[in-house]
PDB file of N, CA and C in Angstrom:
ATOM      1  N   UNK A   1     -68.254 -52.539 -79.373  1.00  0.00           N
ATOM      2  CA  UNK A   1     -68.986 -51.426 -78.809  1.00  0.00           C
ATOM      3  C   UNK A   1     -69.286 -50.442 -79.937  1.00  0.00           C
ATOM      4  N   UNK A   2     -70.522 -49.946 -79.983  1.00  0.00           N
ATOM      5  CA  UNK A   2     -70.941 -48.974 -80.992  1.00  0.00           C
ATOM      6  C   UNK A   2     -71.133 -47.614 -80.349  1.00  0.00           C
ATOM      7  N   UNK A   3     -70.890 -46.573 -81.130  1.00  0.00           N
ATOM      8  CA  UNK A   3     -71.136 -45.209 -80.696  1.00  0.00           C
ATOM      9  C   UNK A   3     -72.286 -44.679 -81.545  1.00  0.00           C
ATOM     10  N   UNK A   4     -73.273 -44.068 -80.898  1.00  0.00           N
ATOM     11  CA  UNK A   4     -74.397 -43.512 -81.647  1.00  0.00           C
ATOM     12  C   UNK A   4     -74.567 -42.032 -81.313  1.00  0.00           C
ATOM     13  N   UNK A   5     -75.154 -41.315 -82.237  1.00  0.00           N
ATOM     14  CA  UNK A   5     -75.485 -39.904 -82.062  1.00  0.00           C
ATOM     15  C   UNK A   5     -76.996 -39.796 -82.035  1.00  0.00           C
ATOM     16  N   UNK A   6     -77.523 -39.080 -81.064  1.00  0.00           N
ATOM     17  CA  UNK A   6     -78.963 -38.853 -80.963  1.00  0.00           C
ATOM     18  C   UNK A   6     -79.174 -37.348 -80.969  1.00  0.00           C
ATOM     19  N   UNK A   7     -79.882 -36.855 -81.977  1.00  0.00           N
ATOM     20  CA  UNK A   7     -80.126 -35.424 -82.076  1.00  0.00           C
ATOM     21  C   UNK A   7     -81.506 -35.039 -81.597  1.00  0.00           C
ATOM     22  N   UNK A   8     -81.687 -33.751 -81.401  1.00  0.00           N
ATOM     23  CA  UNK A   8     -82.971 -33.152 -81.032  1.00  0.00           C
ATOM     24  C   UNK A   8     -83.523 -33.640 -79.701  1.00  0.00           C
ATOM     25  N   UNK A   9     -82.637 -33.947 -78.773  1.00  0.00           N
ATOM     26  CA  UNK A   9     -83.099 -34.253 -77.426  1.00  0.00           C
ATOM     27  C   UNK A   9     -83.623 -32.965 -76.796  1.00  0.00           C
ATOM     28  N   UNK A  10     -84.597 -33.066 -75.911  1.00  0.00           N
ATOM     29  CA  UNK A  10     -85.060 -31.844 -75.234  1.00  0.00           C
ATOM     30  C   UNK A  10     -83.947 -31.289 -74.347  1.00  0.00           C
ATOM     31  N   UNK A  11     -83.937 -29.995 -74.149  1.00  0.00           N
ATOM     32  CA  UNK A  11     -82.912 -29.371 -73.321  1.00  0.00           C
ATOM     33  C   UNK A  11     -82.979 -29.873 -71.883  1.00  0.00           C
ATOM     34  N   UNK A  12     -84.118 -30.413 -71.484  1.00  0.00           N
ATOM     35  CA  UNK A  12     -84.284 -30.912 -70.121  1.00  0.00           C
ATOM     36  C   UNK A  12     -83.681 -32.306 -69.924  1.00  0.00           C
ATOM     37  N   UNK A  13     -83.261 -32.966 -70.999  1.00  0.00           N
ATOM     38  CA  UNK A  13     -82.711 -34.327 -70.895  1.00  0.00           C
ATOM     39  C   UNK A  13     -81.393 -34.317 -70.131  1.00  0.00           C
ATOM     40  N   UNK A  14     -81.242 -35.277 -69.233  1.00  0.00           N
ATOM     41  CA  UNK A  14     -79.999 -35.410 -68.474  1.00  0.00           C
ATOM     42  C   UNK A  14     -79.266 -36.674 -68.921  1.00  0.00           C
ATOM     43  N   UNK A  15     -78.010 -36.794 -68.498  1.00  0.00           N
ATOM     44  CA  UNK A  15     -77.251 -37.994 -68.826  1.00  0.00           C
ATOM     45  C   UNK A  15     -77.934 -39.227 -68.254  1.00  0.00           C
ATOM     46  N   UNK A  16     -78.489 -39.118 -67.063  1.00  0.00           N
ATOM     47  CA  UNK A  16     -79.196 -40.255 -66.460  1.00  0.00           C
ATOM     48  C   UNK A  16     -80.431 -40.638 -67.266  1.00  0.00           C
ATOM     49  N   UNK A  17     -81.166 -39.639 -67.792  1.00  0.00           N
ATOM     50  CA  UNK A  17     -82.336 -39.928 -68.623  1.00  0.00           C
ATOM     51  C   UNK A  17     -81.938 -40.747 -69.848  1.00  0.00           C
ATOM     52  N   UNK A  18     -80.882 -40.312 -70.519  1.00  0.00           N
ATOM     53  CA  UNK A  18     -80.428 -40.996 -71.734  1.00  0.00           C
ATOM     54  C   UNK A  18     -79.911 -42.394 -71.388  1.00  0.00           C
ATOM     55  N   UNK A  19     -79.155 -42.499 -70.320  1.00  0.00           N
ATOM     56  CA  UNK A  19     -78.614 -43.789 -69.890  1.00  0.00           C
ATOM     57  C   UNK A  19     -79.750 -44.760 -69.574  1.00  0.00           C
ATOM     58  N   UNK A  20     -80.772 -44.304 -68.856  1.00  0.00           N
ATOM     59  CA  UNK A  20     -81.894 -45.171 -68.495  1.00  0.00           C
ATOM     60  C   UNK A  20     -82.702 -45.588 -69.718  1.00  0.00           C
ATOM     61  N   UNK A  21     -82.906 -44.679 -70.650  1.00  0.00           N
ATOM     62  CA  UNK A  21     -83.674 -44.990 -71.854  1.00  0.00           C
ATOM     63  C   UNK A  21     -82.970 -46.041 -72.707  1.00  0.00           C
ATOM     64  N   UNK A  22     -81.689 -45.808 -73.008  1.00  0.00           N
ATOM     65  CA  UNK A  22     -80.961 -46.735 -73.870  1.00  0.00           C
ATOM     66  C   UNK A  22     -80.511 -47.985 -73.123  1.00  0.00           C
ATOM     67  N   UNK A  23     -80.406 -47.890 -71.806  1.00  0.00           N
ATOM     68  CA  UNK A  23     -80.034 -49.043 -71.006  1.00  0.00           C
ATOM     69  C   UNK A  23     -81.063 -50.161 -71.059  1.00  0.00           C
ATOM     70  N   UNK A  24     -82.282 -49.846 -71.464  1.00  0.00           N
ATOM     71  CA  UNK A  24     -83.320 -50.863 -71.624  1.00  0.00           C
ATOM     72  C   UNK A  24     -82.989 -51.810 -72.782  1.00  0.00           C
ATOM     73  N   UNK A  25     -82.078 -51.375 -73.660  1.00  0.00           N
ATOM     74  CA  UNK A  25     -81.762 -52.138 -74.867  1.00  0.00           C
ATOM     75  C   UNK A  25     -80.352 -52.716 -74.873  1.00  0.00           C
ATOM     76  N   UNK A  26     -79.602 -52.441 -73.831  1.00  0.00           N
ATOM     77  CA  UNK A  26     -78.236 -52.968 -73.754  1.00  0.00           C
ATOM     78  C   UNK A  26     -77.390 -52.145 -72.809  1.00  0.00           C
ATOM     79  N   UNK A  27     -76.154 -52.543 -72.681  1.00  0.00           N
ATOM     80  CA  UNK A  27     -75.233 -51.860 -71.778  1.00  0.00           C
ATOM     81  C   UNK A  27     -74.821 -50.513 -72.355  1.00  0.00           C
ATOM     82  N   UNK A  28     -74.912 -49.469 -71.541  1.00  0.00           N
ATOM     83  CA  UNK A  28     -74.469 -48.127 -71.934  1.00  0.00           C
ATOM     84  C   UNK A  28     -73.142 -47.876 -71.227  1.00  0.00           C
ATOM     85  N   UNK A  29     -72.072 -47.702 -72.009  1.00  0.00           N
ATOM     86  CA  UNK A  29     -70.747 -47.500 -71.428  1.00  0.00           C
ATOM     87  C   UNK A  29     -70.489 -46.047 -71.071  1.00  0.00           C
ATOM     88  N   UNK A  30     -71.021 -45.123 -71.864  1.00  0.00           N
ATOM     89  CA  UNK A  30     -70.835 -43.706 -71.542  1.00  0.00           C
ATOM     90  C   UNK A  30     -71.896 -42.877 -72.260  1.00  0.00           C
ATOM     91  N   UNK A  31     -72.168 -41.720 -71.678  1.00  0.00           N
ATOM     92  CA  UNK A  31     -73.119 -40.755 -72.256  1.00  0.00           C
ATOM     93  C   UNK A  31     -72.433 -39.397 -72.234  1.00  0.00           C
ATOM     94  N   UNK A  32     -72.492 -38.680 -73.336  1.00  0.00           N
ATOM     95  CA  UNK A  32     -71.938 -37.325 -73.396  1.00  0.00           C
ATOM     96  C   UNK A  32     -72.994 -36.415 -74.015  1.00  0.00           C
ATOM     97  N   UNK A  33     -73.510 -35.506 -73.227  1.00  0.00           N
ATOM     98  CA  UNK A  33     -74.472 -34.540 -73.748  1.00  0.00           C
ATOM     99  C   UNK A  33     -73.732 -33.250 -74.071  1.00  0.00           C
ATOM    100  N   UNK A  34     -73.867 -32.803 -75.293  1.00  0.00           N
ATOM    101  CA  UNK A  34     -73.229 -31.559 -75.715  1.00  0.00           C
ATOM    102  C   UNK A  34     -74.162 -30.423 -75.315  1.00  0.00           C
ATOM    103  N   UNK A  35     -73.685 -29.546 -74.459  1.00  0.00           N
ATOM    104  CA  UNK A  35     -74.542 -28.511 -73.900  1.00  0.00           C
ATOM    105  C   UNK A  35     -74.172 -27.104 -74.381  1.00  0.00           C
ATOM    106  N   UNK A  36     -73.515 -27.011 -75.534  1.00  0.00           N
ATOM    107  CA  UNK A  36     -73.097 -25.690 -75.990  1.00  0.00           C
ATOM    108  C   UNK A  36     -74.236 -24.915 -76.636  1.00  0.00           C
ATOM    109  N   UNK A  37     -75.458 -25.455 -76.712  1.00  0.00           N
ATOM    110  CA  UNK A  37     -76.613 -24.715 -77.196  1.00  0.00           C
ATOM    111  C   UNK A  37     -76.633 -24.540 -78.681  1.00  0.00           C
ATOM    112  N   UNK A  38     -77.514 -23.725 -79.135  1.00  0.00           N
ATOM    113  CA  UNK A  38     -77.672 -23.436 -80.560  1.00  0.00           C
ATOM    114  C   UNK A  38     -77.160 -22.044 -80.857  1.00  0.00           C
ATOM    115  N   UNK A  39     -76.849 -21.822 -82.116  1.00  0.00           N
ATOM    116  CA  UNK A  39     -76.399 -20.488 -82.516  1.00  0.00           C
ATOM    117  C   UNK A  39     -77.552 -19.502 -82.368  1.00  0.00           C
ATOM    118  N   UNK A  40     -77.240 -18.343 -81.821  1.00  0.00           N
ATOM    119  CA  UNK A  40     -78.255 -17.304 -81.664  1.00  0.00           C
ATOM    120  C   UNK A  40     -78.378 -16.496 -82.939  1.00  0.00           C
ATOM    121  N   UNK A  41     -79.587 -16.081 -83.222  1.00  0.00           N
ATOM    122  CA  UNK A  41     -79.833 -15.218 -84.370  1.00  0.00           C
ATOM    123  C   UNK A  41     -80.541 -13.987 -83.838  1.00  0.00           C
ATOM    124  N   UNK A  42     -79.912 -12.848 -83.949  1.00  0.00           N
ATOM    125  CA  UNK A  42     -80.463 -11.607 -83.426  1.00  0.00           C
ATOM    126  C   UNK A  42     -80.638 -10.634 -84.572  1.00  0.00           C
ATOM    127  N   UNK A  43     -81.883 -10.186 -84.760  1.00  0.00           N
ATOM    128  CA  UNK A  43     -82.201  -9.208 -85.799  1.00  0.00           C
ATOM    129  C   UNK A  43     -83.035  -8.096 -85.190  1.00  0.00           C
ATOM    130  N   UNK A  44     -83.002  -6.948 -85.828  1.00  0.00           N
ATOM    131  CA  UNK A  44     -83.877  -5.858 -85.416  1.00  0.00           C
ATOM    132  C   UNK A  44     -85.308  -6.223 -85.777  1.00  0.00           C
ATOM    133  N   UNK A  45     -86.226  -6.009 -84.851  1.00  0.00           N
ATOM    134  CA  UNK A  45     -87.627  -6.327 -85.108  1.00  0.00           C
ATOM    135  C   UNK A  45     -88.185  -5.398 -86.178  1.00  0.00           C
ATOM    136  N   UNK A  46     -89.019  -5.937 -87.044  1.00  0.00           N
ATOM    137  CA  UNK A  46     -89.643  -5.177 -88.116  1.00  0.00           C
ATOM    138  C   UNK A  46     -91.151  -5.157 -87.896  1.00  0.00           C
ATOM    139  N   UNK A  47     -91.771  -3.978 -88.089  1.00  0.00           N
ATOM    140  CA  UNK A  47     -93.227  -3.890 -87.989  1.00  0.00           C
ATOM    141  C   UNK A  47     -93.853  -4.620 -89.162  1.00  0.00           C
ATOM    142  N   UNK A  48     -94.953  -5.296 -88.885  1.00  0.00           N
ATOM    143  CA  UNK A  48     -95.678  -5.957 -89.968  1.00  0.00           C
ATOM    144  C   UNK A  48     -96.457  -4.906 -90.738  1.00  0.00           C
ATOM    145  N   UNK A  49     -96.518  -5.033 -92.062  1.00  0.00           N
ATOM    146  CA  UNK A  49     -97.270  -4.054 -92.850  1.00  0.00           C
ATOM    147  C   UNK A  49     -98.766  -4.161 -92.570  1.00  0.00           C
ATOM    148  N   UNK A  50     -99.413  -3.011 -92.532  1.00  0.00           N
ATOM    149  CA  UNK A  50    -100.874  -2.978 -92.372  1.00  0.00           C
ATOM    150  C   UNK A  50    -101.493  -3.226 -93.735  1.00  0.00           C
ATOM    151  N   UNK A  51    -102.574  -3.950 -93.746  1.00  0.00           N
ATOM    152  CA  UNK A  51    -103.213  -4.135 -95.034  1.00  0.00           C
ATOM    153  C   UNK A  51    -104.041  -5.381 -95.102  1.00  0.00           C
ATOM    154  N   UNK A  52    -105.127  -5.396 -94.460  1.00  0.00           N
ATOM    155  CA  UNK A  52    -106.055  -6.508 -94.597  1.00  0.00           C
ATOM    156  C   UNK A  52    -105.381  -7.853 -94.416  1.00  0.00           C
ATOM    157  N   UNK A  53    -106.094  -8.844 -94.725  1.00  0.00           N
ATOM    158  CA  UNK A  53    -105.517 -10.158 -94.589  1.00  0.00           C
ATOM    159  C   UNK A  53    -106.385 -11.172 -95.286  1.00  0.00           C
ATOM    160  N   UNK A  54    -105.905 -12.319 -95.369  1.00  0.00           N
ATOM    161  CA  UNK A  54    -106.689 -13.397 -95.938  1.00  0.00           C
ATOM    162  C   UNK A  54    -106.448 -13.669 -97.395  1.00  0.00           C
ATOM    163  N   UNK A  55    -106.272 -12.648 -98.181  1.00  0.00           N
ATOM    164  CA  UNK A  55    -106.046 -12.861 -99.606  1.00  0.00           C
ATOM    165  C   UNK A  55    -107.305 -13.360-100.322  1.00  0.00           C
ATOM    166  N   UNK A  56    -107.122 -14.084-101.391  1.00  0.00           N
ATOM    167  CA  UNK A  56    -108.232 -14.570-102.224  1.00  0.00           C
ATOM    168  C   UNK A  56    -108.522 -16.038-101.982  1.00  0.00           C
ATOM    169  N   UNK A  57    -108.848 -16.390-100.777  1.00  0.00           N
ATOM    170  CA  UNK A  57    -109.156 -17.789-100.474  1.00  0.00           C
ATOM    171  C   UNK A  57    -110.634 -18.018-100.669  1.00  0.00           C
ATOM    172  N   UNK A  58    -111.006 -19.183-101.206  1.00  0.00           N
ATOM    173  CA  UNK A  58    -112.415 -19.516-101.420  1.00  0.00           C
ATOM    174  C   UNK A  58    -112.869 -20.502-100.443  1.00  0.00           C
TER     175      UNK A  58
END
């Protein structure tokens, strides 16, 4: 029996979704979805500087 890690699944994925997808390729003994989320990053919002745009593009 092999254990695999699958990253970047959509947050909407369920254990049944994963089981059905991989079950097409062989027997799935167990599925464990880690639902602890991602680390939050909170910063104070900064105003964007005013000053034209575009630069020197040709």
